[in-house]
């Protein structure tokens, strides 16, 4: 278990003033099975009222509108998050995590690649028949993570947010989003539900993307309406490792489009420039009980009670 401080800033500058700016933000960590948000402050500039809600994927969304002319827009988040990522997140698995999306559709070439990855593994027949159960999921995810990591060479600027898993697979280049999309696509092709995760990991830089795969409570799952209960476990195919306590989740979804940190529309024919900075650092826990000293940030909206 670790206590992480997340400091996250995004700024947009416009070449001229814009108006009627509507935006959606998924920029704030949310308490869920593997992490607990103990304090959080969100600052948005220009300062406007925010409407808060949870989307169908369980992400916290902030919606706002700025009608007045402005040439800059920014947000700043500072949060303290207690993380125990190795334990996974116990949540149900909605059916939509089993099926492909336009960004995660699997091609015949990708299915052949999948079989080749497992050809020397005793799991190959299960993969071919899409009959992997909970006893196989961890082993299969480990093999798949290494395979995706080896397939794509990390290359900034080689792809865009609209690049699909199939396109990145063919190009064999991409960034963390592409590694995640390819893993999700192939994981679902094996019959294992998977979801895209956006967040950050310990260090400095920008946001990061990884994947969580689902392991039901038992071989058949525990039915609760249309959902099966179990645990979601994280893997990072960009770095070829299991997700640990150095990762903080912002949003999850079927693919990148469900997890966009910031989206917006405005009136104005302008050029825009975006800068992003993330710093995630570890704070020492005070004792073995998990208690720690307080941390606060001045200004903004205190969201500690809204998680």
C-alpha atoms as a PDB file:
ATOM      1  CA  UNK A   1       0.000   0.000   0.000  1.00  0.00           C
ATOM      2  CA  UNK A   2       1.239   3.495  -0.862  1.00  0.00           C
ATOM      3  CA  UNK A   3       0.104   7.063  -0.393  1.00  0.00           C
ATOM      4  CA  UNK A   4       0.565   9.074  -3.596  1.00  0.00           C
ATOM      5  CA  UNK A   5       0.224  12.791  -4.182  1.00  0.00           C
ATOM      6  CA  UNK A   6      -1.031  13.653  -7.681  1.00  0.00           C
ATOM      7  CA  UNK A   7      -0.395  17.134  -9.042  1.00  0.00           C
ATOM      8  CA  UNK A   8      -1.929  17.498 -12.497  1.00  0.00           C
ATOM      9  CA  UNK A   9      -2.191  20.621 -14.655  1.00  0.00           C
ATOM     10  CA  UNK A  10      -3.544  21.199 -18.153  1.00  0.00           C
ATOM     11  CA  UNK A  11      -3.611  24.562 -19.947  1.00  0.00           C
ATOM     12  CA  UNK A  12      -5.087  25.581 -23.299  1.00  0.00           C
ATOM     13  CA  UNK A  13      -4.155  28.858 -24.950  1.00  0.00           C
ATOM     14  CA  UNK A  14      -6.111  30.239 -27.920  1.00  0.00           C
ATOM     15  CA  UNK A  15      -4.773  32.569 -30.584  1.00  0.00           C
ATOM     16  CA  UNK A  16      -7.882  34.734 -30.080  1.00  0.00           C
ATOM     17  CA  UNK A  17     -10.731  34.860 -27.619  1.00  0.00           C
ATOM     18  CA  UNK A  18     -13.378  32.141 -27.804  1.00  0.00           C
ATOM     19  CA  UNK A  19     -16.917  32.070 -26.411  1.00  0.00           C
ATOM     20  CA  UNK A  20     -19.638  29.550 -25.553  1.00  0.00           C
ATOM     21  CA  UNK A  21     -17.052  27.047 -24.344  1.00  0.00           C
ATOM     22  CA  UNK A  22     -18.618  23.788 -23.094  1.00  0.00           C
ATOM     23  CA  UNK A  23     -16.338  21.156 -21.578  1.00  0.00           C
ATOM     24  CA  UNK A  24     -16.276  17.772 -19.849  1.00  0.00           C
ATOM     25  CA  UNK A  25     -13.474  16.767 -17.475  1.00  0.00           C
ATOM     26  CA  UNK A  26     -12.493  13.327 -16.163  1.00  0.00           C
ATOM     27  CA  UNK A  27      -9.366  14.673 -14.528  1.00  0.00           C
ATOM     28  CA  UNK A  28      -9.971  13.753 -10.889  1.00  0.00           C
ATOM     29  CA  UNK A  29      -9.124  10.378  -9.285  1.00  0.00           C
ATOM     30  CA  UNK A  30     -12.121   8.530  -7.896  1.00  0.00           C
ATOM     31  CA  UNK A  31     -12.274   6.153  -4.959  1.00  0.00           C
ATOM     32  CA  UNK A  32     -12.757   2.595  -6.138  1.00  0.00           C
ATOM     33  CA  UNK A  33     -11.619  -0.865  -5.059  1.00  0.00           C
ATOM     34  CA  UNK A  34      -7.869  -0.422  -5.503  1.00  0.00           C
ATOM     35  CA  UNK A  35      -7.581   3.225  -4.456  1.00  0.00           C
ATOM     36  CA  UNK A  36      -9.047   5.612  -1.911  1.00  0.00           C
ATOM     37  CA  UNK A  37      -8.995   9.371  -2.471  1.00  0.00           C
ATOM     38  CA  UNK A  38      -8.413  11.022   0.907  1.00  0.00           C
ATOM     39  CA  UNK A  39      -8.295  14.658  -0.266  1.00  0.00           C
ATOM     40  CA  UNK A  40      -8.709  16.420  -3.578  1.00  0.00           C
ATOM     41  CA  UNK A  41      -8.913  19.995  -4.851  1.00  0.00           C
ATOM     42  CA  UNK A  42      -9.907  20.962  -8.385  1.00  0.00           C
ATOM     43  CA  UNK A  43      -9.309  24.452  -9.802  1.00  0.00           C
ATOM     44  CA  UNK A  44     -10.746  25.481 -13.177  1.00  0.00           C
ATOM     45  CA  UNK A  45      -9.945  28.758 -14.929  1.00  0.00           C
ATOM     46  CA  UNK A  46     -12.040  30.639 -15.962  1.00  0.00           C
ATOM     47  CA  UNK A  47     -13.934  29.816 -12.789  1.00  0.00           C
ATOM     48  CA  UNK A  48     -17.431  28.616 -13.684  1.00  0.00           C
ATOM     49  CA  UNK A  49     -20.024  26.455 -11.896  1.00  0.00           C
ATOM     50  CA  UNK A  50     -19.448  22.716 -12.403  1.00  0.00           C
ATOM     51  CA  UNK A  51     -22.053  19.968 -12.604  1.00  0.00           C
ATOM     52  CA  UNK A  52     -20.764  16.644 -11.265  1.00  0.00           C
ATOM     53  CA  UNK A  53     -22.023  13.158 -12.106  1.00  0.00           C
ATOM     54  CA  UNK A  54     -20.874   9.562 -12.554  1.00  0.00           C
ATOM     55  CA  UNK A  55     -20.922   8.111 -16.050  1.00  0.00           C
ATOM     56  CA  UNK A  56     -21.923   4.523 -16.902  1.00  0.00           C
ATOM     57  CA  UNK A  57     -18.317   3.375 -16.347  1.00  0.00           C
ATOM     58  CA  UNK A  58     -18.162   4.771 -12.806  1.00  0.00           C
ATOM     59  CA  UNK A  59     -15.957   7.745 -13.690  1.00  0.00           C
ATOM     60  CA  UNK A  60     -16.481  11.144 -12.078  1.00  0.00           C
ATOM     61  CA  UNK A  61     -17.314  13.733 -14.743  1.00  0.00           C
ATOM     62  CA  UNK A  62     -17.320  17.520 -14.338  1.00  0.00           C
ATOM     63  CA  UNK A  63     -19.325  19.542 -16.844  1.00  0.00           C
ATOM     64  CA  UNK A  64     -19.044  23.293 -17.237  1.00  0.00           C
ATOM     65  CA  UNK A  65     -19.760  26.156 -19.634  1.00  0.00           C
ATOM     66  CA  UNK A  66     -17.987  29.454 -20.082  1.00  0.00           C
ATOM     67  CA  UNK A  67     -19.965  31.917 -22.196  1.00  0.00           C
ATOM     68  CA  UNK A  68     -17.709  34.954 -21.703  1.00  0.00           C
ATOM     69  CA  UNK A  69     -14.791  35.616 -24.097  1.00  0.00           C
ATOM     70  CA  UNK A  70     -11.528  34.048 -22.924  1.00  0.00           C
ATOM     71  CA  UNK A  71      -8.162  33.248 -24.502  1.00  0.00           C
ATOM     72  CA  UNK A  72      -7.011  30.656 -21.953  1.00  0.00           C
ATOM     73  CA  UNK A  73      -8.543  27.634 -20.238  1.00  0.00           C
ATOM     74  CA  UNK A  74      -6.911  25.477 -17.603  1.00  0.00           C
ATOM     75  CA  UNK A  75      -7.473  23.080 -14.740  1.00  0.00           C
ATOM     76  CA  UNK A  76      -5.316  21.994 -11.825  1.00  0.00           C
ATOM     77  CA  UNK A  77      -5.877  18.934  -9.643  1.00  0.00           C
ATOM     78  CA  UNK A  78      -4.086  18.094  -6.427  1.00  0.00           C
ATOM     79  CA  UNK A  79      -5.104  14.836  -4.750  1.00  0.00           C
ATOM     80  CA  UNK A  80      -3.891  12.415  -2.109  1.00  0.00           C
ATOM     81  CA  UNK A  81      -4.630   8.804  -3.045  1.00  0.00           C
ATOM     82  CA  UNK A  82      -4.069   5.660  -1.015  1.00  0.00           C
ATOM     83  CA  UNK A  83      -3.332   2.826  -3.467  1.00  0.00           C
ATOM     84  CA  UNK A  84      -3.343  -0.956  -3.108  1.00  0.00           C
ATOM     85  CA  UNK A  85      -3.371  -1.881  -6.779  1.00  0.00           C
ATOM     86  CA  UNK A  86      -1.960  -5.397  -6.480  1.00  0.00           C
ATOM     87  CA  UNK A  87      -5.196  -6.541  -4.860  1.00  0.00           C
ATOM     88  CA  UNK A  88      -7.236  -5.566  -7.885  1.00  0.00           C
ATOM     89  CA  UNK A  89     -10.588  -3.819  -7.898  1.00  0.00           C
ATOM     90  CA  UNK A  90     -13.659  -5.837  -6.926  1.00  0.00           C
ATOM     91  CA  UNK A  91     -16.432  -4.656  -9.229  1.00  0.00           C
ATOM     92  CA  UNK A  92     -18.960  -6.260 -11.538  1.00  0.00           C
ATOM     93  CA  UNK A  93     -18.200  -6.796 -15.216  1.00  0.00           C
ATOM     94  CA  UNK A  94     -20.888  -5.261 -17.453  1.00  0.00           C
ATOM     95  CA  UNK A  95     -21.365  -7.170 -20.719  1.00  0.00           C
ATOM     96  CA  UNK A  96     -20.005  -4.342 -22.878  1.00  0.00           C
ATOM     97  CA  UNK A  97     -16.433  -5.085 -21.736  1.00  0.00           C
ATOM     98  CA  UNK A  98     -16.602  -8.371 -23.633  1.00  0.00           C
ATOM     99  CA  UNK A  99     -17.140  -6.850 -27.071  1.00  0.00           C
ATOM    100  CA  UNK A 100     -14.982  -4.897 -29.498  1.00  0.00           C
ATOM    101  CA  UNK A 101     -15.386  -1.235 -30.399  1.00  0.00           C
ATOM    102  CA  UNK A 102     -14.223   0.562 -33.559  1.00  0.00           C
ATOM    103  CA  UNK A 103     -10.886   1.272 -31.850  1.00  0.00           C
ATOM    104  CA  UNK A 104     -10.446  -2.297 -30.553  1.00  0.00           C
ATOM    105  CA  UNK A 105     -11.764  -4.456 -33.402  1.00  0.00           C
ATOM    106  CA  UNK A 106      -9.695  -7.605 -33.946  1.00  0.00           C
ATOM    107  CA  UNK A 107      -8.573  -8.628 -37.447  1.00  0.00           C
ATOM    108  CA  UNK A 108      -7.682 -12.082 -38.793  1.00  0.00           C
ATOM    109  CA  UNK A 109      -4.001 -11.103 -38.730  1.00  0.00           C
ATOM    110  CA  UNK A 110      -4.269 -10.156 -35.080  1.00  0.00           C
ATOM    111  CA  UNK A 111      -5.974 -13.459 -34.235  1.00  0.00           C
ATOM    112  CA  UNK A 112      -3.168 -15.340 -35.972  1.00  0.00           C
ATOM    113  CA  UNK A 113      -0.631 -13.315 -33.974  1.00  0.00           C
ATOM    114  CA  UNK A 114      -2.520 -14.298 -30.814  1.00  0.00           C
ATOM    115  CA  UNK A 115      -2.336 -18.009 -31.625  1.00  0.00           C
ATOM    116  CA  UNK A 116       1.366 -17.709 -32.388  1.00  0.00           C
ATOM    117  CA  UNK A 117       1.961 -16.089 -28.993  1.00  0.00           C
ATOM    118  CA  UNK A 118       0.420 -19.109 -27.264  1.00  0.00           C
ATOM    119  CA  UNK A 119       1.609 -21.892 -29.586  1.00  0.00           C
ATOM    120  CA  UNK A 120       4.154 -23.166 -27.034  1.00  0.00           C
ATOM    121  CA  UNK A 121       1.785 -22.684 -24.086  1.00  0.00           C
ATOM    122  CA  UNK A 122      -0.635 -25.301 -22.710  1.00  0.00           C
ATOM    123  CA  UNK A 123      -3.274 -22.578 -22.999  1.00  0.00           C
ATOM    124  CA  UNK A 124      -3.231 -22.525 -26.799  1.00  0.00           C
ATOM    125  CA  UNK A 125      -6.334 -24.722 -27.189  1.00  0.00           C
ATOM    126  CA  UNK A 126      -8.265 -22.568 -24.709  1.00  0.00           C
ATOM    127  CA  UNK A 127      -7.222 -19.425 -26.580  1.00  0.00           C
ATOM    128  CA  UNK A 128      -8.316 -20.868 -29.908  1.00  0.00           C
ATOM    129  CA  UNK A 129     -11.718 -21.820 -28.491  1.00  0.00           C
ATOM    130  CA  UNK A 130     -12.144 -18.611 -26.399  1.00  0.00           C
ATOM    131  CA  UNK A 131     -12.729 -20.782 -23.332  1.00  0.00           C
ATOM    132  CA  UNK A 132     -10.272 -19.334 -20.844  1.00  0.00           C
ATOM    133  CA  UNK A 133     -11.670 -19.409 -17.301  1.00  0.00           C
ATOM    134  CA  UNK A 134     -10.527 -17.684 -14.128  1.00  0.00           C
ATOM    135  CA  UNK A 135      -7.737 -20.200 -13.490  1.00  0.00           C
ATOM    136  CA  UNK A 136      -6.095 -19.241 -16.786  1.00  0.00           C
ATOM    137  CA  UNK A 137      -6.641 -15.477 -16.933  1.00  0.00           C
ATOM    138  CA  UNK A 138      -3.505 -14.368 -15.051  1.00  0.00           C
ATOM    139  CA  UNK A 139      -1.162 -16.634 -17.002  1.00  0.00           C
ATOM    140  CA  UNK A 140      -2.755 -15.616 -20.297  1.00  0.00           C
ATOM    141  CA  UNK A 141      -2.530 -11.911 -19.456  1.00  0.00           C
ATOM    142  CA  UNK A 142       1.182 -12.241 -18.641  1.00  0.00           C
ATOM    143  CA  UNK A 143       1.928 -13.880 -22.017  1.00  0.00           C
ATOM    144  CA  UNK A 144      -0.241 -11.368 -23.865  1.00  0.00           C
ATOM    145  CA  UNK A 145       1.355  -8.397 -22.107  1.00  0.00           C
ATOM    146  CA  UNK A 146       4.824  -9.483 -23.214  1.00  0.00           C
ATOM    147  CA  UNK A 147       3.589 -10.149 -26.746  1.00  0.00           C
ATOM    148  CA  UNK A 148       1.974  -6.725 -27.158  1.00  0.00           C
ATOM    149  CA  UNK A 149       5.026  -5.042 -25.646  1.00  0.00           C
ATOM    150  CA  UNK A 150       7.237  -6.754 -28.205  1.00  0.00           C
ATOM    151  CA  UNK A 151       4.934  -6.035 -31.141  1.00  0.00           C
ATOM    152  CA  UNK A 152       4.872  -2.226 -30.851  1.00  0.00           C
ATOM    153  CA  UNK A 153       7.877   0.074 -30.737  1.00  0.00           C
ATOM    154  CA  UNK A 154       7.195   3.141 -28.600  1.00  0.00           C
ATOM    155  CA  UNK A 155       7.272   6.030 -31.069  1.00  0.00           C
ATOM    156  CA  UNK A 156       5.855   9.466 -30.215  1.00  0.00           C
ATOM    157  CA  UNK A 157       3.872  11.054 -33.020  1.00  0.00           C
ATOM    158  CA  UNK A 158       3.461   7.851 -35.029  1.00  0.00           C
ATOM    159  CA  UNK A 159      -0.244   7.585 -34.174  1.00  0.00           C
ATOM    160  CA  UNK A 160      -3.147   9.783 -33.078  1.00  0.00           C
ATOM    161  CA  UNK A 161      -6.044   9.393 -30.666  1.00  0.00           C
ATOM    162  CA  UNK A 162      -8.079   8.039 -33.601  1.00  0.00           C
ATOM    163  CA  UNK A 163      -5.633   5.216 -34.399  1.00  0.00           C
ATOM    164  CA  UNK A 164      -7.225   1.800 -33.928  1.00  0.00           C
ATOM    165  CA  UNK A 165      -5.628  -1.306 -32.477  1.00  0.00           C
ATOM    166  CA  UNK A 166      -5.566  -2.873 -35.952  1.00  0.00           C
ATOM    167  CA  UNK A 167      -3.766   0.141 -37.418  1.00  0.00           C
ATOM    168  CA  UNK A 168      -1.181   0.198 -34.619  1.00  0.00           C
ATOM    169  CA  UNK A 169      -0.696  -3.564 -35.001  1.00  0.00           C
ATOM    170  CA  UNK A 170       0.092  -3.131 -38.696  1.00  0.00           C
ATOM    171  CA  UNK A 171       2.266  -0.062 -38.160  1.00  0.00           C
ATOM    172  CA  UNK A 172       4.090  -1.705 -35.221  1.00  0.00           C
ATOM    173  CA  UNK A 173       4.579   1.755 -33.701  1.00  0.00           C
ATOM    174  CA  UNK A 174       2.656   3.796 -31.190  1.00  0.00           C
ATOM    175  CA  UNK A 175       2.324   5.153 -27.675  1.00  0.00           C
ATOM    176  CA  UNK A 176       0.717   3.894 -24.474  1.00  0.00           C
ATOM    177  CA  UNK A 177      -2.794   4.315 -25.896  1.00  0.00           C
ATOM    178  CA  UNK A 178      -1.942   1.958 -28.764  1.00  0.00           C
ATOM    179  CA  UNK A 179      -0.408  -0.687 -26.504  1.00  0.00           C
ATOM    180  CA  UNK A 180      -3.562  -0.558 -24.386  1.00  0.00           C
ATOM    181  CA  UNK A 181      -5.950  -0.773 -27.348  1.00  0.00           C
ATOM    182  CA  UNK A 182      -4.089  -3.758 -28.802  1.00  0.00           C
ATOM    183  CA  UNK A 183      -4.056  -5.573 -25.458  1.00  0.00           C
ATOM    184  CA  UNK A 184      -7.771  -4.925 -24.933  1.00  0.00           C
ATOM    185  CA  UNK A 185      -8.585  -6.170 -28.434  1.00  0.00           C
ATOM    186  CA  UNK A 186      -6.623  -9.409 -28.105  1.00  0.00           C
ATOM    187  CA  UNK A 187      -7.767 -10.020 -24.539  1.00  0.00           C
ATOM    188  CA  UNK A 188     -11.399  -9.843 -25.612  1.00  0.00           C
ATOM    189  CA  UNK A 189     -10.589 -12.068 -28.600  1.00  0.00           C
ATOM    190  CA  UNK A 190      -9.523 -14.744 -26.076  1.00  0.00           C
ATOM    191  CA  UNK A 191     -12.809 -14.407 -24.221  1.00  0.00           C
ATOM    192  CA  UNK A 192     -11.434 -12.361 -21.297  1.00  0.00           C
ATOM    193  CA  UNK A 193     -13.264  -9.075 -20.592  1.00  0.00           C
ATOM    194  CA  UNK A 194     -10.901  -6.107 -20.556  1.00  0.00           C
ATOM    195  CA  UNK A 195     -11.113  -2.350 -20.118  1.00  0.00           C
ATOM    196  CA  UNK A 196      -8.977   0.643 -21.016  1.00  0.00           C
ATOM    197  CA  UNK A 197      -7.583   2.699 -18.114  1.00  0.00           C
ATOM    198  CA  UNK A 198      -6.383   6.291 -18.124  1.00  0.00           C
ATOM    199  CA  UNK A 199      -4.390   7.658 -15.211  1.00  0.00           C
ATOM    200  CA  UNK A 200      -0.857   8.357 -14.100  1.00  0.00           C
ATOM    201  CA  UNK A 201       2.079   6.545 -12.561  1.00  0.00           C
ATOM    202  CA  UNK A 202       4.734   7.671 -10.113  1.00  0.00           C
ATOM    203  CA  UNK A 203       7.126  10.206 -11.611  1.00  0.00           C
ATOM    204  CA  UNK A 204       6.854  13.276 -13.818  1.00  0.00           C
ATOM    205  CA  UNK A 205       5.475  13.698 -17.316  1.00  0.00           C
ATOM    206  CA  UNK A 206       1.946  13.233 -18.636  1.00  0.00           C
ATOM    207  CA  UNK A 207      -1.001  10.920 -18.203  1.00  0.00           C
ATOM    208  CA  UNK A 208      -0.599   7.225 -18.996  1.00  0.00           C
ATOM    209  CA  UNK A 209      -2.783   4.392 -20.325  1.00  0.00           C
ATOM    210  CA  UNK A 210      -2.883   0.747 -19.326  1.00  0.00           C
ATOM    211  CA  UNK A 211      -5.415  -2.112 -19.135  1.00  0.00           C
ATOM    212  CA  UNK A 212      -7.402  -4.089 -16.599  1.00  0.00           C
ATOM    213  CA  UNK A 213      -8.594  -7.645 -17.257  1.00  0.00           C
ATOM    214  CA  UNK A 214     -11.416  -9.355 -15.396  1.00  0.00           C
ATOM    215  CA  UNK A 215     -11.266 -12.491 -13.249  1.00  0.00           C
ATOM    216  CA  UNK A 216     -14.681 -13.703 -11.986  1.00  0.00           C
ATOM    217  CA  UNK A 217     -15.172 -14.850  -8.410  1.00  0.00           C
ATOM    218  CA  UNK A 218     -15.156 -18.473  -9.565  1.00  0.00           C
ATOM    219  CA  UNK A 219     -15.089 -20.389 -12.828  1.00  0.00           C
ATOM    220  CA  UNK A 220     -18.662 -19.399 -13.591  1.00  0.00           C
ATOM    221  CA  UNK A 221     -18.880 -16.046 -11.844  1.00  0.00           C
ATOM    222  CA  UNK A 222     -21.479 -14.830  -9.396  1.00  0.00           C
ATOM    223  CA  UNK A 223     -24.448 -13.467 -11.243  1.00  0.00           C
ATOM    224  CA  UNK A 224     -25.912 -10.135 -10.161  1.00  0.00           C
ATOM    225  CA  UNK A 225     -28.498  -9.194 -12.746  1.00  0.00           C
ATOM    226  CA  UNK A 226     -26.686  -8.841 -16.076  1.00  0.00           C
ATOM    227  CA  UNK A 227     -23.249  -8.405 -14.496  1.00  0.00           C
ATOM    228  CA  UNK A 228     -20.744 -10.941 -13.176  1.00  0.00           C
ATOM    229  CA  UNK A 229     -18.807 -10.088 -10.019  1.00  0.00           C
ATOM    230  CA  UNK A 230     -15.066 -10.530  -9.662  1.00  0.00           C
ATOM    231  CA  UNK A 231     -11.817  -8.551  -9.648  1.00  0.00           C
ATOM    232  CA  UNK A 232     -10.140  -6.335 -12.228  1.00  0.00           C
ATOM    233  CA  UNK A 233      -6.346  -6.643 -12.358  1.00  0.00           C
ATOM    234  CA  UNK A 234      -4.089  -4.116 -14.077  1.00  0.00           C
ATOM    235  CA  UNK A 235      -1.299  -4.726 -16.587  1.00  0.00           C
ATOM    236  CA  UNK A 236       0.844  -2.159 -18.368  1.00  0.00           C
ATOM    237  CA  UNK A 237       1.826  -3.498 -21.816  1.00  0.00           C
ATOM    238  CA  UNK A 238       3.813  -0.341 -22.591  1.00  0.00           C
ATOM    239  CA  UNK A 239       6.232  -1.296 -19.805  1.00  0.00           C
ATOM    240  CA  UNK A 240       5.508  -5.051 -19.795  1.00  0.00           C
ATOM    241  CA  UNK A 241       4.630  -5.210 -16.106  1.00  0.00           C
ATOM    242  CA  UNK A 242       1.769  -5.752 -13.722  1.00  0.00           C
ATOM    243  CA  UNK A 243       0.212  -2.606 -12.318  1.00  0.00           C
ATOM    244  CA  UNK A 244       1.296  -1.988  -8.744  1.00  0.00           C
ATOM    245  CA  UNK A 245       0.845   0.680  -6.094  1.00  0.00           C
ATOM    246  CA  UNK A 246       2.584   3.318  -8.242  1.00  0.00           C
ATOM    247  CA  UNK A 247      -0.502   3.808 -10.455  1.00  0.00           C
ATOM    248  CA  UNK A 248      -3.502   6.109  -9.937  1.00  0.00           C
ATOM    249  CA  UNK A 249      -6.694   5.682 -11.993  1.00  0.00           C
ATOM    250  CA  UNK A 250      -8.559   8.647 -13.460  1.00  0.00           C
ATOM    251  CA  UNK A 251     -11.058   6.870 -15.715  1.00  0.00           C
ATOM    252  CA  UNK A 252     -11.915   3.484 -17.220  1.00  0.00           C
ATOM    253  CA  UNK A 253     -13.928   2.511 -20.280  1.00  0.00           C
ATOM    254  CA  UNK A 254     -14.189   0.364 -23.377  1.00  0.00           C
ATOM    255  CA  UNK A 255     -11.440   2.356 -25.128  1.00  0.00           C
ATOM    256  CA  UNK A 256      -9.855   5.807 -25.201  1.00  0.00           C
ATOM    257  CA  UNK A 257     -13.056   7.586 -26.249  1.00  0.00           C
ATOM    258  CA  UNK A 258     -14.741   6.639 -22.950  1.00  0.00           C
ATOM    259  CA  UNK A 259     -11.805   7.939 -20.898  1.00  0.00           C
ATOM    260  CA  UNK A 260     -10.893  11.299 -22.393  1.00  0.00           C
ATOM    261  CA  UNK A 261      -9.602  13.513 -19.616  1.00  0.00           C
ATOM    262  CA  UNK A 262     -10.851  16.717 -21.260  1.00  0.00           C
ATOM    263  CA  UNK A 263     -13.279  17.330 -24.092  1.00  0.00           C
ATOM    264  CA  UNK A 264     -14.769  20.601 -25.240  1.00  0.00           C
ATOM    265  CA  UNK A 265     -16.350  22.696 -27.973  1.00  0.00           C
ATOM    266  CA  UNK A 266     -16.324  26.468 -28.373  1.00  0.00           C
ATOM    267  CA  UNK A 267     -17.151  29.234 -30.806  1.00  0.00           C
ATOM    268  CA  UNK A 268     -14.182  30.760 -32.589  1.00  0.00           C
ATOM    269  CA  UNK A 269     -11.896  30.056 -35.535  1.00  0.00           C
ATOM    270  CA  UNK A 270      -8.631  29.930 -33.592  1.00  0.00           C
ATOM    271  CA  UNK A 271      -5.390  28.054 -33.193  1.00  0.00           C
ATOM    272  CA  UNK A 272      -4.907  26.343 -29.846  1.00  0.00           C
ATOM    273  CA  UNK A 273      -1.917  25.075 -27.910  1.00  0.00           C
ATOM    274  CA  UNK A 274      -2.072  22.586 -25.047  1.00  0.00           C
ATOM    275  CA  UNK A 275       0.430  21.971 -22.275  1.00  0.00           C
ATOM    276  CA  UNK A 276       0.137  19.150 -19.735  1.00  0.00           C
ATOM    277  CA  UNK A 277       2.199  18.384 -16.661  1.00  0.00           C
ATOM    278  CA  UNK A 278       1.784  15.562 -14.165  1.00  0.00           C
ATOM    279  CA  UNK A 279       3.840  14.893 -11.066  1.00  0.00           C
ATOM    280  CA  UNK A 280       3.020  11.875  -8.907  1.00  0.00           C
ATOM    281  CA  UNK A 281       5.112  11.358  -5.811  1.00  0.00           C
ATOM    282  CA  UNK A 282       4.976   9.021  -2.838  1.00  0.00           C
ATOM    283  CA  UNK A 283       4.288  10.233   0.701  1.00  0.00           C
ATOM    284  CA  UNK A 284       5.310   8.057   3.654  1.00  0.00           C
ATOM    285  CA  UNK A 285       2.573   6.323   5.606  1.00  0.00           C
ATOM    286  CA  UNK A 286       2.784   7.290   9.270  1.00  0.00           C
ATOM    287  CA  UNK A 287       2.367   3.771  10.613  1.00  0.00           C
ATOM    288  CA  UNK A 288       1.213   0.291   9.727  1.00  0.00           C
ATOM    289  CA  UNK A 289      -2.437   1.141  10.273  1.00  0.00           C
ATOM    290  CA  UNK A 290      -2.529   3.134   7.043  1.00  0.00           C
ATOM    291  CA  UNK A 291      -2.980   6.477   8.820  1.00  0.00           C
ATOM    292  CA  UNK A 292      -1.011   9.431   7.518  1.00  0.00           C
ATOM    293  CA  UNK A 293      -0.488  13.106   8.106  1.00  0.00           C
ATOM    294  CA  UNK A 294      -2.911  15.484   6.415  1.00  0.00           C
ATOM    295  CA  UNK A 295      -2.261  17.379   3.201  1.00  0.00           C
ATOM    296  CA  UNK A 296      -4.199  20.331   1.854  1.00  0.00           C
ATOM    297  CA  UNK A 297      -4.141  22.659  -1.118  1.00  0.00           C
ATOM    298  CA  UNK A 298      -5.458  26.175  -1.011  1.00  0.00           C
ATOM    299  CA  UNK A 299      -8.119  27.534  -3.370  1.00  0.00           C
ATOM    300  CA  UNK A 300     -10.315  25.704  -5.814  1.00  0.00           C
ATOM    301  CA  UNK A 301     -13.117  23.280  -5.045  1.00  0.00           C
ATOM    302  CA  UNK A 302     -12.539  20.780  -2.252  1.00  0.00           C
ATOM    303  CA  UNK A 303     -13.824  17.460  -3.588  1.00  0.00           C
ATOM    304  CA  UNK A 304     -12.938  15.246  -0.666  1.00  0.00           C
ATOM    305  CA  UNK A 305     -16.590  14.683   0.203  1.00  0.00           C
ATOM    306  CA  UNK A 306     -17.676  14.018  -3.378  1.00  0.00           C
ATOM    307  CA  UNK A 307     -15.803  10.789  -4.006  1.00  0.00           C
END
